[in-house]
Amino acid sequence: MIDFSTSENNLLVRRYTVTGSRRFSNFFWATMLGLGGLYFFLTGFSSYAQKSIFPIIHAENILFFPQGLVMSFYGILGFFLSVYLWLTIIWQVGGGFNEFNKKKGIFRVFRWGFPGKNRRIDFSYSLSEIEGLRLEIVEGVNPKRTIYVCLKEKKEIPLTRVGQPIPLEEIEKQASDLAMFLQVSLDET
């Protein structure tokens, strides 16, 4: 996604936002794991107490050892996985932006990481170090569509998000627009 907030800057500055962990799929799985973990834990606890805690949980026919104990373990595991996903969503892990600034002559990659001393991941390179762009398209069971910035020191920096692949037309348009803006070559593999 390109942010064209001011018409004066869009000729000199391009900023592509990266969603990171705040995707619908993460919200969905965090919620499902939390609810499923709670249900499994309450079923295991109901089998231990030998009475139904909620009307929808009928654990009278479940023995605590081994079924109820295993269900409690799975419930706790599901709850902790849900908490982990919710924390990555709250902390916006992987979110950030890629900025190409012709005013300052820099290319900047910024991402949020996990809390700690390296929470802010911020790299800056000179625009003169950019050798070209490479568009990688892999079709099949696990499709991959990624734009890479190729630097002169043989580094390749991915620009696109991880997860759901961007539609082919959109990523090709984005790559060609960026190559024209930077006035560099675009290779496709």
N, C-alpha and C. Protein backbone atom coordinates (compact mmCIF):
# COMPACT_ATOMS: atom_id res chain seq x y z
N MET A 1 0.84 -1.16 0.00
CA MET A 1 0.00 0.00 0.00
C MET A 1 0.89 1.24 0.00
N ILE A 2 0.58 2.19 -0.82
CA ILE A 2 1.37 3.41 -0.93
C ILE A 2 0.62 4.53 -0.22
N ASP A 3 1.36 5.32 0.54
CA ASP A 3 0.78 6.44 1.27
C ASP A 3 1.11 7.73 0.51
N PHE A 4 0.10 8.28 -0.16
CA PHE A 4 0.26 9.56 -0.86
C PHE A 4 -0.48 10.64 -0.08
N SER A 5 0.01 10.99 1.10
CA SER A 5 -0.71 11.92 1.95
C SER A 5 -0.64 13.36 1.43
N THR A 6 0.48 13.77 0.86
CA THR A 6 0.58 15.12 0.31
C THR A 6 1.04 15.05 -1.13
N SER A 7 0.42 15.84 -2.00
CA SER A 7 0.75 15.79 -3.42
C SER A 7 2.16 16.31 -3.70
N GLU A 8 2.67 17.21 -2.87
CA GLU A 8 4.00 17.76 -3.05
C GLU A 8 5.08 16.70 -2.79
N ASN A 9 4.85 15.85 -1.80
CA ASN A 9 5.84 14.85 -1.42
C ASN A 9 5.83 13.60 -2.28
N ASN A 10 4.72 13.30 -2.98
CA ASN A 10 4.66 12.02 -3.69
C ASN A 10 5.62 11.96 -4.88
N LEU A 11 6.17 13.08 -5.28
CA LEU A 11 7.18 13.06 -6.34
C LEU A 11 8.57 12.73 -5.78
N LEU A 12 8.78 12.98 -4.49
CA LEU A 12 10.09 12.79 -3.89
C LEU A 12 10.14 11.72 -2.81
N VAL A 13 9.00 11.36 -2.24
CA VAL A 13 8.97 10.39 -1.15
C VAL A 13 7.89 9.35 -1.41
N ARG A 14 8.27 8.09 -1.32
CA ARG A 14 7.30 6.99 -1.41
C ARG A 14 7.40 6.18 -0.13
N ARG A 15 6.26 5.91 0.47
CA ARG A 15 6.22 5.11 1.70
C ARG A 15 5.22 3.97 1.51
N TYR A 16 5.73 2.76 1.68
CA TYR A 16 4.91 1.56 1.58
C TYR A 16 4.73 1.00 2.99
N THR A 17 3.49 0.91 3.45
CA THR A 17 3.25 0.38 4.79
C THR A 17 3.22 -1.15 4.75
N VAL A 18 3.68 -1.76 5.84
CA VAL A 18 3.69 -3.22 5.99
C VAL A 18 2.81 -3.55 7.18
N THR A 19 1.82 -4.40 6.98
CA THR A 19 0.82 -4.70 7.99
C THR A 19 1.40 -5.40 9.20
N GLY A 20 2.20 -6.41 9.02
CA GLY A 20 2.77 -7.15 10.15
C GLY A 20 1.76 -8.12 10.74
N SER A 21 1.70 -8.20 12.06
CA SER A 21 0.87 -9.20 12.72
C SER A 21 -0.59 -8.79 12.86
N ARG A 22 -0.95 -7.59 12.51
CA ARG A 22 -2.35 -7.14 12.63
C ARG A 22 -3.14 -7.50 11.37
N ARG A 23 -3.22 -8.80 11.13
CA ARG A 23 -3.98 -9.32 10.00
C ARG A 23 -5.22 -10.03 10.51
N PHE A 24 -6.22 -10.14 9.65
CA PHE A 24 -7.47 -10.80 10.04
C PHE A 24 -7.22 -12.23 10.50
N SER A 25 -6.32 -12.94 9.82
CA SER A 25 -6.07 -14.34 10.18
C SER A 25 -5.53 -14.47 11.60
N ASN A 26 -4.68 -13.54 12.03
CA ASN A 26 -4.16 -13.59 13.39
C ASN A 26 -5.25 -13.29 14.42
N PHE A 27 -6.13 -12.32 14.13
CA PHE A 27 -7.26 -12.05 15.02
C PHE A 27 -8.14 -13.29 15.13
N PHE A 28 -8.42 -13.92 13.99
CA PHE A 28 -9.27 -15.11 13.96
C PHE A 28 -8.67 -16.24 14.79
N TRP A 29 -7.38 -16.57 14.54
CA TRP A 29 -6.77 -17.69 15.25
C TRP A 29 -6.55 -17.41 16.72
N ALA A 30 -6.24 -16.17 17.08
CA ALA A 30 -6.09 -15.83 18.50
C ALA A 30 -7.41 -16.02 19.24
N THR A 31 -8.52 -15.61 18.62
CA THR A 31 -9.83 -15.77 19.23
C THR A 31 -10.23 -17.24 19.31
N MET A 32 -10.04 -17.99 18.20
CA MET A 32 -10.42 -19.41 18.20
C MET A 32 -9.59 -20.23 19.19
N LEU A 33 -8.29 -19.97 19.26
CA LEU A 33 -7.44 -20.68 20.22
C LEU A 33 -7.83 -20.35 21.65
N GLY A 34 -8.17 -19.10 21.91
CA GLY A 34 -8.60 -18.70 23.25
C GLY A 34 -9.89 -19.38 23.66
N LEU A 35 -10.88 -19.36 22.76
CA LEU A 35 -12.17 -19.99 23.08
C LEU A 35 -12.05 -21.51 23.16
N GLY A 36 -11.31 -22.10 22.22
CA GLY A 36 -11.12 -23.55 22.25
C GLY A 36 -10.33 -23.99 23.47
N GLY A 37 -9.30 -23.23 23.82
CA GLY A 37 -8.51 -23.55 25.01
C GLY A 37 -9.34 -23.46 26.28
N LEU A 38 -10.18 -22.42 26.37
CA LEU A 38 -11.06 -22.27 27.52
C LEU A 38 -12.05 -23.43 27.61
N TYR A 39 -12.62 -23.80 26.48
CA TYR A 39 -13.58 -24.92 26.45
C TYR A 39 -12.90 -26.22 26.88
N PHE A 40 -11.72 -26.51 26.35
CA PHE A 40 -11.02 -27.74 26.72
C PHE A 40 -10.65 -27.73 28.21
N PHE A 41 -10.16 -26.60 28.71
CA PHE A 41 -9.78 -26.53 30.12
C PHE A 41 -11.00 -26.74 31.02
N LEU A 42 -12.11 -26.07 30.69
CA LEU A 42 -13.32 -26.22 31.52
C LEU A 42 -13.88 -27.64 31.45
N THR A 43 -13.74 -28.29 30.30
CA THR A 43 -14.18 -29.68 30.20
C THR A 43 -13.31 -30.58 31.07
N GLY A 44 -12.01 -30.38 31.05
CA GLY A 44 -11.11 -31.16 31.90
C GLY A 44 -11.37 -30.89 33.37
N PHE A 45 -11.61 -29.61 33.73
CA PHE A 45 -11.90 -29.28 35.12
C PHE A 45 -13.24 -29.86 35.55
N SER A 46 -14.24 -29.86 34.65
CA SER A 46 -15.54 -30.46 34.96
C SER A 46 -15.41 -31.95 35.19
N SER A 47 -14.55 -32.62 34.43
CA SER A 47 -14.35 -34.06 34.64
C SER A 47 -13.68 -34.32 35.99
N TYR A 48 -12.83 -33.41 36.43
CA TYR A 48 -12.19 -33.54 37.74
C TYR A 48 -13.22 -33.32 38.86
N ALA A 49 -14.07 -32.30 38.71
CA ALA A 49 -15.07 -31.97 39.73
C ALA A 49 -16.29 -32.90 39.67
N GLN A 50 -16.42 -33.67 38.60
CA GLN A 50 -17.56 -34.58 38.38
C GLN A 50 -18.91 -33.86 38.40
N LYS A 51 -18.92 -32.61 37.93
CA LYS A 51 -20.18 -31.89 37.73
C LYS A 51 -19.99 -30.87 36.62
N SER A 52 -21.07 -30.52 35.96
CA SER A 52 -21.01 -29.60 34.84
C SER A 52 -20.89 -28.17 35.34
N ILE A 53 -19.90 -27.47 34.84
CA ILE A 53 -19.71 -26.06 35.21
C ILE A 53 -20.64 -25.18 34.39
N PHE A 54 -20.73 -25.46 33.10
CA PHE A 54 -21.65 -24.76 32.21
C PHE A 54 -22.63 -25.77 31.64
N PRO A 55 -23.82 -25.33 31.30
CA PRO A 55 -24.82 -26.27 30.77
C PRO A 55 -24.39 -26.92 29.45
N ILE A 56 -23.52 -26.28 28.68
CA ILE A 56 -23.14 -26.86 27.40
C ILE A 56 -22.01 -27.87 27.53
N ILE A 57 -21.36 -27.91 28.69
CA ILE A 57 -20.26 -28.85 28.91
C ILE A 57 -20.78 -30.02 29.74
N HIS A 58 -20.83 -31.19 29.12
CA HIS A 58 -21.28 -32.41 29.81
C HIS A 58 -20.08 -33.33 29.96
N ALA A 59 -19.47 -33.29 31.13
CA ALA A 59 -18.26 -34.06 31.36
C ALA A 59 -18.49 -35.23 32.31
N GLU A 60 -19.74 -35.63 32.49
CA GLU A 60 -20.03 -36.73 33.41
C GLU A 60 -19.43 -38.05 32.94
N ASN A 61 -19.33 -38.25 31.65
CA ASN A 61 -18.84 -39.51 31.09
C ASN A 61 -17.34 -39.49 30.79
N ILE A 62 -16.67 -38.42 31.17
CA ILE A 62 -15.23 -38.31 30.91
C ILE A 62 -14.49 -38.56 32.21
N LEU A 63 -13.61 -39.53 32.21
CA LEU A 63 -12.76 -39.79 33.37
C LEU A 63 -11.67 -38.73 33.43
N PHE A 64 -11.33 -38.29 34.66
CA PHE A 64 -10.29 -37.27 34.76
C PHE A 64 -8.94 -37.80 34.31
N PHE A 65 -8.63 -39.04 34.70
CA PHE A 65 -7.36 -39.62 34.27
C PHE A 65 -7.64 -40.70 33.26
N PRO A 66 -7.23 -40.60 32.05
CA PRO A 66 -6.30 -39.67 31.41
C PRO A 66 -6.99 -38.60 30.57
N GLN A 67 -8.29 -38.80 30.19
CA GLN A 67 -8.91 -37.87 29.23
C GLN A 67 -9.05 -36.44 29.77
N GLY A 68 -9.55 -36.29 30.97
CA GLY A 68 -9.74 -34.95 31.54
C GLY A 68 -8.42 -34.22 31.74
N LEU A 69 -7.40 -34.96 32.16
CA LEU A 69 -6.08 -34.37 32.36
C LEU A 69 -5.49 -33.88 31.03
N VAL A 70 -5.63 -34.70 29.99
CA VAL A 70 -5.13 -34.32 28.67
C VAL A 70 -5.91 -33.12 28.13
N MET A 71 -7.22 -33.11 28.33
CA MET A 71 -8.03 -31.97 27.87
C MET A 71 -7.63 -30.69 28.62
N SER A 72 -7.35 -30.80 29.89
CA SER A 72 -6.89 -29.63 30.66
C SER A 72 -5.56 -29.13 30.13
N PHE A 73 -4.65 -30.07 29.84
CA PHE A 73 -3.35 -29.69 29.28
C PHE A 73 -3.52 -28.98 27.94
N TYR A 74 -4.36 -29.54 27.05
CA TYR A 74 -4.60 -28.89 25.76
C TYR A 74 -5.25 -27.53 25.94
N GLY A 75 -6.12 -27.40 26.92
CA GLY A 75 -6.76 -26.12 27.19
C GLY A 75 -5.76 -25.06 27.62
N ILE A 76 -4.85 -25.44 28.51
CA ILE A 76 -3.82 -24.50 28.96
C ILE A 76 -2.90 -24.13 27.81
N LEU A 77 -2.51 -25.12 27.01
CA LEU A 77 -1.65 -24.87 25.84
C LEU A 77 -2.34 -23.93 24.85
N GLY A 78 -3.61 -24.17 24.57
CA GLY A 78 -4.36 -23.29 23.66
C GLY A 78 -4.48 -21.88 24.19
N PHE A 79 -4.68 -21.75 25.50
CA PHE A 79 -4.77 -20.43 26.12
C PHE A 79 -3.45 -19.67 25.97
N PHE A 80 -2.32 -20.33 26.25
CA PHE A 80 -1.02 -19.66 26.13
C PHE A 80 -0.69 -19.30 24.68
N LEU A 81 -1.06 -20.14 23.72
CA LEU A 81 -0.85 -19.78 22.32
C LEU A 81 -1.70 -18.57 21.93
N SER A 82 -2.92 -18.52 22.46
CA SER A 82 -3.80 -17.38 22.21
C SER A 82 -3.21 -16.10 22.80
N VAL A 83 -2.69 -16.17 24.02
CA VAL A 83 -2.06 -15.00 24.64
C VAL A 83 -0.87 -14.54 23.81
N TYR A 84 -0.06 -15.49 23.33
CA TYR A 84 1.09 -15.14 22.49
C TYR A 84 0.64 -14.40 21.22
N LEU A 85 -0.38 -14.92 20.56
CA LEU A 85 -0.87 -14.26 19.34
C LEU A 85 -1.43 -12.87 19.65
N TRP A 86 -2.19 -12.74 20.74
CA TRP A 86 -2.73 -11.43 21.09
C TRP A 86 -1.62 -10.45 21.42
N LEU A 87 -0.55 -10.90 22.06
CA LEU A 87 0.56 -10.00 22.36
C LEU A 87 1.28 -9.55 21.09
N THR A 88 1.45 -10.47 20.12
CA THR A 88 2.08 -10.05 18.86
C THR A 88 1.19 -9.05 18.12
N ILE A 89 -0.13 -9.20 18.24
CA ILE A 89 -1.05 -8.24 17.62
C ILE A 89 -0.96 -6.89 18.32
N ILE A 90 -0.98 -6.90 19.64
CA ILE A 90 -0.91 -5.64 20.41
C ILE A 90 0.41 -4.92 20.17
N TRP A 91 1.50 -5.67 20.16
CA TRP A 91 2.83 -5.07 19.95
C TRP A 91 3.09 -4.76 18.48
N GLN A 92 2.22 -5.19 17.58
CA GLN A 92 2.32 -4.96 16.13
C GLN A 92 3.65 -5.47 15.58
N VAL A 93 4.00 -6.68 15.97
CA VAL A 93 5.27 -7.29 15.53
C VAL A 93 5.25 -7.46 14.01
N GLY A 94 6.30 -7.03 13.36
CA GLY A 94 6.43 -7.14 11.91
C GLY A 94 5.85 -5.97 11.15
N GLY A 95 5.11 -5.10 11.82
CA GLY A 95 4.53 -3.94 11.15
C GLY A 95 5.55 -2.84 10.99
N GLY A 96 5.36 -2.01 10.02
CA GLY A 96 6.28 -0.90 9.79
C GLY A 96 6.09 -0.31 8.41
N PHE A 97 7.20 0.12 7.82
CA PHE A 97 7.12 0.73 6.49
C PHE A 97 8.46 0.62 5.78
N ASN A 98 8.39 0.82 4.46
CA ASN A 98 9.57 0.96 3.61
C ASN A 98 9.45 2.36 2.99
N GLU A 99 10.49 3.16 3.15
CA GLU A 99 10.43 4.53 2.65
C GLU A 99 11.57 4.80 1.69
N PHE A 100 11.22 5.38 0.55
CA PHE A 100 12.20 5.79 -0.45
C PHE A 100 12.11 7.31 -0.53
N ASN A 101 13.14 8.00 -0.05
CA ASN A 101 13.12 9.45 0.08
C ASN A 101 14.20 10.06 -0.81
N LYS A 102 13.76 10.67 -1.92
CA LYS A 102 14.72 11.31 -2.83
C LYS A 102 15.21 12.64 -2.29
N LYS A 103 14.45 13.29 -1.38
CA LYS A 103 14.89 14.55 -0.76
C LYS A 103 16.17 14.32 0.03
N LYS A 104 16.15 13.29 0.88
CA LYS A 104 17.30 12.99 1.74
C LYS A 104 18.26 11.99 1.09
N GLY A 105 17.82 11.35 0.00
CA GLY A 105 18.65 10.38 -0.69
C GLY A 105 18.82 9.07 0.06
N ILE A 106 17.77 8.67 0.82
CA ILE A 106 17.88 7.43 1.60
C ILE A 106 16.73 6.47 1.31
N PHE A 107 17.02 5.20 1.55
CA PHE A 107 16.04 4.13 1.53
C PHE A 107 16.00 3.60 2.96
N ARG A 108 14.82 3.58 3.56
CA ARG A 108 14.69 3.21 4.97
C ARG A 108 13.72 2.05 5.13
N VAL A 109 14.12 1.06 5.92
CA VAL A 109 13.27 -0.07 6.28
C VAL A 109 13.05 0.00 7.78
N PHE A 110 11.78 0.10 8.19
CA PHE A 110 11.46 0.17 9.62
C PHE A 110 10.44 -0.91 9.95
N ARG A 111 10.72 -1.68 11.01
CA ARG A 111 9.79 -2.72 11.49
C ARG A 111 9.77 -2.70 13.01
N TRP A 112 8.63 -3.09 13.57
CA TRP A 112 8.52 -3.30 15.01
C TRP A 112 8.81 -4.76 15.31
N GLY A 113 9.58 -5.01 16.36
CA GLY A 113 9.89 -6.37 16.80
C GLY A 113 9.25 -6.63 18.16
N PHE A 114 9.72 -7.66 18.83
CA PHE A 114 9.24 -7.96 20.17
C PHE A 114 9.86 -6.98 21.16
N PRO A 115 9.20 -6.70 22.28
CA PRO A 115 9.75 -5.77 23.27
C PRO A 115 11.13 -6.21 23.75
N GLY A 116 11.95 -5.23 23.98
CA GLY A 116 13.32 -5.46 24.41
C GLY A 116 14.20 -4.38 23.83
N LYS A 117 15.50 -4.59 23.94
CA LYS A 117 16.41 -3.54 23.47
C LYS A 117 16.44 -3.44 21.95
N ASN A 118 16.03 -4.47 21.23
CA ASN A 118 16.00 -4.44 19.77
C ASN A 118 14.58 -4.36 19.23
N ARG A 119 13.68 -3.69 19.92
CA ARG A 119 12.28 -3.59 19.49
C ARG A 119 12.14 -2.86 18.16
N ARG A 120 12.91 -1.79 18.00
CA ARG A 120 12.85 -1.00 16.77
C ARG A 120 13.91 -1.52 15.80
N ILE A 121 13.46 -2.01 14.66
CA ILE A 121 14.37 -2.47 13.62
C ILE A 121 14.34 -1.38 12.55
N ASP A 122 15.44 -0.68 12.41
CA ASP A 122 15.48 0.49 11.55
C ASP A 122 16.80 0.51 10.77
N PHE A 123 16.71 0.28 9.46
CA PHE A 123 17.89 0.28 8.60
C PHE A 123 17.74 1.40 7.58
N SER A 124 18.83 2.09 7.31
CA SER A 124 18.85 3.13 6.28
C SER A 124 20.00 2.86 5.33
N TYR A 125 19.73 3.04 4.05
CA TYR A 125 20.73 2.88 3.01
C TYR A 125 20.63 4.08 2.08
N SER A 126 21.72 4.41 1.44
CA SER A 126 21.72 5.47 0.45
C SER A 126 21.02 4.96 -0.81
N LEU A 127 20.28 5.84 -1.47
CA LEU A 127 19.61 5.44 -2.72
C LEU A 127 20.64 5.06 -3.79
N SER A 128 21.85 5.60 -3.70
CA SER A 128 22.88 5.28 -4.68
C SER A 128 23.37 3.83 -4.53
N GLU A 129 23.11 3.19 -3.37
CA GLU A 129 23.51 1.81 -3.15
C GLU A 129 22.56 0.81 -3.83
N ILE A 130 21.38 1.29 -4.25
CA ILE A 130 20.39 0.39 -4.86
C ILE A 130 20.80 0.09 -6.30
N GLU A 131 21.01 -1.17 -6.56
CA GLU A 131 21.42 -1.62 -7.89
C GLU A 131 20.21 -1.91 -8.78
N GLY A 132 19.14 -2.41 -8.18
CA GLY A 132 17.94 -2.74 -8.93
C GLY A 132 16.89 -3.37 -8.05
N LEU A 133 15.79 -3.78 -8.68
CA LEU A 133 14.72 -4.49 -7.99
C LEU A 133 14.57 -5.86 -8.60
N ARG A 134 14.16 -6.82 -7.77
CA ARG A 134 13.90 -8.17 -8.27
C ARG A 134 12.53 -8.60 -7.79
N LEU A 135 11.73 -9.08 -8.71
CA LEU A 135 10.40 -9.57 -8.40
C LEU A 135 10.42 -11.08 -8.48
N GLU A 136 10.15 -11.74 -7.37
CA GLU A 136 10.15 -13.20 -7.32
C GLU A 136 8.71 -13.68 -7.24
N ILE A 137 8.34 -14.50 -8.23
CA ILE A 137 7.00 -15.07 -8.28
C ILE A 137 7.12 -16.58 -8.34
N VAL A 138 6.61 -17.25 -7.31
CA VAL A 138 6.61 -18.71 -7.25
C VAL A 138 5.16 -19.14 -7.10
N GLU A 139 4.67 -19.89 -8.06
CA GLU A 139 3.30 -20.39 -8.03
C GLU A 139 3.30 -21.82 -7.50
N GLY A 140 2.15 -22.32 -7.15
CA GLY A 140 2.05 -23.69 -6.68
C GLY A 140 1.26 -23.77 -5.38
N VAL A 141 1.55 -24.79 -4.59
CA VAL A 141 0.83 -25.02 -3.34
C VAL A 141 1.07 -23.88 -2.36
N ASN A 142 2.31 -23.42 -2.27
CA ASN A 142 2.66 -22.32 -1.39
C ASN A 142 3.18 -21.15 -2.21
N PRO A 143 2.26 -20.34 -2.79
CA PRO A 143 2.70 -19.26 -3.68
C PRO A 143 3.46 -18.19 -2.91
N LYS A 144 4.43 -17.59 -3.59
CA LYS A 144 5.26 -16.55 -3.00
C LYS A 144 5.44 -15.44 -4.02
N ARG A 145 5.10 -14.24 -3.63
CA ARG A 145 5.27 -13.07 -4.50
C ARG A 145 5.95 -11.98 -3.69
N THR A 146 7.22 -11.73 -3.99
CA THR A 146 8.02 -10.83 -3.19
C THR A 146 8.81 -9.87 -4.07
N ILE A 147 8.89 -8.62 -3.62
CA ILE A 147 9.74 -7.62 -4.26
C ILE A 147 10.99 -7.48 -3.39
N TYR A 148 12.15 -7.58 -4.03
CA TYR A 148 13.42 -7.42 -3.32
C TYR A 148 14.13 -6.18 -3.84
N VAL A 149 14.77 -5.44 -2.94
CA VAL A 149 15.68 -4.36 -3.32
C VAL A 149 17.07 -4.98 -3.34
N CYS A 150 17.74 -4.91 -4.47
CA CYS A 150 19.09 -5.46 -4.61
C CYS A 150 20.10 -4.34 -4.42
N LEU A 151 20.96 -4.49 -3.42
CA LEU A 151 21.98 -3.50 -3.13
C LEU A 151 23.30 -3.88 -3.80
N LYS A 152 24.19 -2.94 -3.95
CA LYS A 152 25.46 -3.17 -4.63
C LYS A 152 26.35 -4.16 -3.89
N GLU A 153 26.21 -4.27 -2.59
CA GLU A 153 27.03 -5.22 -1.83
C GLU A 153 26.40 -6.61 -1.80
N LYS A 154 25.58 -6.91 -2.80
CA LYS A 154 24.95 -8.23 -3.01
C LYS A 154 23.97 -8.61 -1.91
N LYS A 155 23.39 -7.62 -1.23
CA LYS A 155 22.32 -7.87 -0.27
C LYS A 155 21.00 -7.74 -0.99
N GLU A 156 20.02 -8.54 -0.54
CA GLU A 156 18.66 -8.42 -1.05
C GLU A 156 17.73 -8.23 0.13
N ILE A 157 16.94 -7.16 0.11
CA ILE A 157 16.03 -6.84 1.20
C ILE A 157 14.60 -7.01 0.71
N PRO A 158 13.83 -7.93 1.32
CA PRO A 158 12.43 -8.10 0.91
C PRO A 158 11.58 -6.91 1.37
N LEU A 159 10.66 -6.48 0.51
CA LEU A 159 9.82 -5.34 0.83
C LEU A 159 8.38 -5.71 1.14
N THR A 160 7.91 -6.85 0.66
CA THR A 160 6.51 -7.19 0.79
C THR A 160 6.24 -7.95 2.08
N ARG A 161 4.98 -7.97 2.46
CA ARG A 161 4.57 -8.59 3.71
C ARG A 161 4.63 -10.11 3.63
N VAL A 162 4.63 -10.74 4.78
CA VAL A 162 4.60 -12.20 4.88
C VAL A 162 3.16 -12.61 5.09
N GLY A 163 2.78 -13.74 4.55
CA GLY A 163 1.42 -14.22 4.74
C GLY A 163 0.72 -14.37 3.41
N GLN A 164 -0.50 -13.86 3.34
CA GLN A 164 -1.32 -13.94 2.14
C GLN A 164 -0.61 -13.25 0.98
N PRO A 165 -0.37 -13.98 -0.14
CA PRO A 165 0.33 -13.34 -1.26
C PRO A 165 -0.51 -12.24 -1.90
N ILE A 166 0.18 -11.19 -2.31
CA ILE A 166 -0.45 -10.06 -2.99
C ILE A 166 -0.87 -10.51 -4.38
N PRO A 167 -2.04 -10.08 -4.88
CA PRO A 167 -2.44 -10.45 -6.23
C PRO A 167 -1.37 -10.08 -7.26
N LEU A 168 -1.25 -10.92 -8.29
CA LEU A 168 -0.19 -10.79 -9.29
C LEU A 168 -0.18 -9.42 -9.96
N GLU A 169 -1.34 -8.93 -10.38
CA GLU A 169 -1.42 -7.62 -11.05
C GLU A 169 -0.93 -6.50 -10.13
N GLU A 170 -1.34 -6.57 -8.86
CA GLU A 170 -0.99 -5.52 -7.91
C GLU A 170 0.51 -5.49 -7.62
N ILE A 171 1.11 -6.66 -7.44
CA ILE A 171 2.55 -6.68 -7.12
C ILE A 171 3.39 -6.28 -8.34
N GLU A 172 2.95 -6.66 -9.54
CA GLU A 172 3.67 -6.24 -10.74
C GLU A 172 3.59 -4.73 -10.93
N LYS A 173 2.41 -4.15 -10.68
CA LYS A 173 2.24 -2.70 -10.79
C LYS A 173 3.09 -1.98 -9.74
N GLN A 174 3.07 -2.50 -8.51
CA GLN A 174 3.85 -1.90 -7.44
C GLN A 174 5.34 -1.93 -7.75
N ALA A 175 5.82 -3.08 -8.26
CA ALA A 175 7.24 -3.22 -8.58
C ALA A 175 7.64 -2.30 -9.74
N SER A 176 6.82 -2.22 -10.77
CA SER A 176 7.17 -1.36 -11.91
C SER A 176 7.11 0.12 -11.53
N ASP A 177 6.12 0.52 -10.72
CA ASP A 177 6.05 1.91 -10.26
C ASP A 177 7.28 2.27 -9.43
N LEU A 178 7.69 1.36 -8.56
CA LEU A 178 8.86 1.62 -7.72
C LEU A 178 10.14 1.68 -8.55
N ALA A 179 10.26 0.79 -9.53
CA ALA A 179 11.44 0.81 -10.40
C ALA A 179 11.52 2.11 -11.20
N MET A 180 10.37 2.59 -11.68
CA MET A 180 10.35 3.86 -12.40
C MET A 180 10.70 5.02 -11.48
N PHE A 181 10.19 4.98 -10.25
CA PHE A 181 10.47 6.05 -9.27
C PHE A 181 11.96 6.09 -8.94
N LEU A 182 12.56 4.92 -8.74
CA LEU A 182 13.98 4.85 -8.39
C LEU A 182 14.91 4.92 -9.60
N GLN A 183 14.33 4.74 -10.80
CA GLN A 183 15.09 4.73 -12.05
C GLN A 183 16.17 3.64 -12.04
N VAL A 184 15.71 2.41 -11.67
CA VAL A 184 16.58 1.24 -11.65
C VAL A 184 15.90 0.13 -12.45
N SER A 185 16.66 -0.93 -12.74
CA SER A 185 16.12 -2.04 -13.50
C SER A 185 15.26 -2.94 -12.61
N LEU A 186 14.35 -3.66 -13.27
CA LEU A 186 13.46 -4.60 -12.59
C LEU A 186 13.64 -5.97 -13.24
N ASP A 187 14.09 -6.95 -12.46
CA ASP A 187 14.25 -8.32 -12.95
C ASP A 187 13.15 -9.17 -12.34
N GLU A 188 12.66 -10.14 -13.14
CA GLU A 188 11.63 -11.05 -12.64
C GLU A 188 12.15 -12.48 -12.68
N THR A 189 11.99 -13.17 -11.54
CA THR A 189 12.40 -14.59 -11.47
C THR A 189 11.23 -15.43 -11.03
